[in-house]
Amino acid sequence: MTAAPRDVEQFYSTSEVVAKLRRLADALETNKPFRIQIAGERIRVPARARFSIEHERGDGEEEIEFQLKWTLDDSTDSADSTDDSADEADSDTSVV
């Protein structure tokens, strides 16, 4: 079953961003999956996800985006099993 398309964005305080990035960095460093809740939906990012950083400039603004991409087949990889107790418990939107 294919998930519905989605595009969400939420702004966070510096302390909230630091906590999310710290969890992500720990997962990347240990080659473990990362779980995050975005707008009420739990997302599991497999350890094999590709990480990229984008920079955009235009119309008097600049933007940096940290992105993780993976195919849906990657998200069910049994080698990426993890403990659900590490799930992020926030209920709002997050951008990682």
Protein backbone atom coordinates (compact mmCIF):
# COMPACT_ATOMS: atom_id res chain seq x y z
CA MET A 1 0.00 0.00 0.00
CA THR A 2 1.37 3.41 -0.96
CA ALA A 3 1.24 6.17 1.65
CA ALA A 4 -0.49 9.45 0.78
CA PRO A 5 1.81 12.30 -0.32
CA ARG A 6 2.74 14.69 2.47
CA ASP A 7 4.63 17.98 2.90
CA VAL A 8 4.70 19.50 6.42
CA GLU A 9 6.87 22.08 8.17
CA GLN A 10 7.03 23.28 11.79
CA PHE A 11 9.26 25.79 13.57
CA TYR A 12 10.88 24.89 16.88
CA SER A 13 12.74 26.60 19.69
CA THR A 14 16.52 26.25 19.70
CA SER A 15 16.41 23.80 22.61
CA GLU A 16 13.89 21.57 20.80
CA VAL A 17 16.00 21.54 17.63
CA VAL A 18 19.12 20.72 19.63
CA ALA A 19 17.38 17.72 21.24
CA LYS A 20 16.12 16.40 17.88
CA LEU A 21 19.48 16.86 16.18
CA ARG A 22 21.28 15.19 19.08
CA ARG A 23 19.03 12.11 18.76
CA LEU A 24 19.58 12.07 15.00
CA ALA A 25 23.35 12.43 15.38
CA ASP A 26 23.42 9.54 17.87
CA ALA A 27 21.47 7.33 15.45
CA LEU A 28 23.71 8.25 12.50
CA GLU A 29 26.88 7.72 14.51
CA THR A 30 25.81 4.26 15.70
CA ASN A 31 24.31 3.26 12.33
CA LYS A 32 20.88 2.72 13.91
CA PRO A 33 17.40 3.60 12.64
CA PHE A 34 15.90 6.90 13.76
CA ARG A 35 12.28 7.32 14.82
CA ILE A 36 10.48 10.64 14.89
CA GLN A 37 6.85 11.69 15.12
CA ILE A 38 5.79 14.27 12.54
CA ALA A 39 2.30 15.80 12.66
CA GLY A 40 0.95 12.81 14.55
CA GLU A 41 2.55 10.19 12.30
CA ARG A 42 5.46 8.06 13.47
CA ILE A 43 8.22 7.85 10.90
CA ARG A 44 10.97 5.24 10.97
CA VAL A 45 14.10 6.29 9.12
CA PRO A 46 16.25 3.23 8.36
CA ALA A 47 19.95 3.26 9.15
CA ARG A 48 20.71 3.01 5.43
CA ALA A 49 18.92 6.27 4.58
CA ARG A 50 20.98 8.72 2.53
CA PHE A 51 21.76 12.03 4.21
CA SER A 52 22.07 15.26 2.23
CA ILE A 53 22.32 18.96 2.95
CA GLU A 54 20.80 21.50 0.58
CA HIS A 55 21.41 25.25 0.35
CA GLU A 56 19.01 27.55 -1.47
CA ARG A 57 19.29 31.29 -2.05
CA GLY A 58 16.79 33.65 -3.64
CA ASP A 59 14.40 36.55 -3.12
CA GLY A 60 16.41 37.93 -0.18
CA GLU A 61 16.35 34.65 1.75
CA GLU A 62 18.65 31.71 2.29
CA GLU A 63 17.71 28.22 3.40
CA ILE A 64 19.57 25.13 4.54
CA GLU A 65 17.74 21.80 4.61
CA PHE A 66 19.01 18.63 6.24
CA GLN A 67 17.38 15.70 4.45
CA LEU A 68 17.21 11.96 4.90
CA LYS A 69 15.96 9.91 1.93
CA TRP A 70 15.24 6.22 1.55
CA THR A 71 13.11 3.88 -0.51
CA LEU A 72 10.13 2.22 1.11
CA ASP A 73 11.85 -1.17 0.71
CA ASP A 74 14.66 0.14 2.97
CA SER A 75 12.24 0.97 5.78
CA THR A 76 11.30 -2.69 6.25
CA ASP A 77 14.86 -4.01 6.27
CA SER A 78 15.09 -6.53 9.11
CA ALA A 79 18.73 -5.53 9.72
CA ASP A 80 17.45 -2.16 10.97
CA SER A 81 15.49 -3.49 13.95
CA THR A 82 15.35 -1.14 16.93
CA ASP A 83 13.83 -0.71 20.35
CA ASP A 84 10.58 1.28 20.17
CA SER A 85 11.30 2.81 23.57
CA ALA A 86 13.56 5.32 21.80
CA ASP A 87 10.61 6.82 19.87
CA GLU A 88 10.23 10.56 20.06
CA ALA A 89 7.05 11.43 21.94
CA ASP A 90 6.25 14.87 20.55
CA SER A 91 2.89 15.17 18.82
CA ASP A 92 3.56 18.11 16.54
CA THR A 93 5.38 18.47 13.25
CA SER A 94 9.14 18.12 13.05
CA VAL A 95 11.53 18.73 10.24
CA VAL A 96 14.75 16.81 10.34
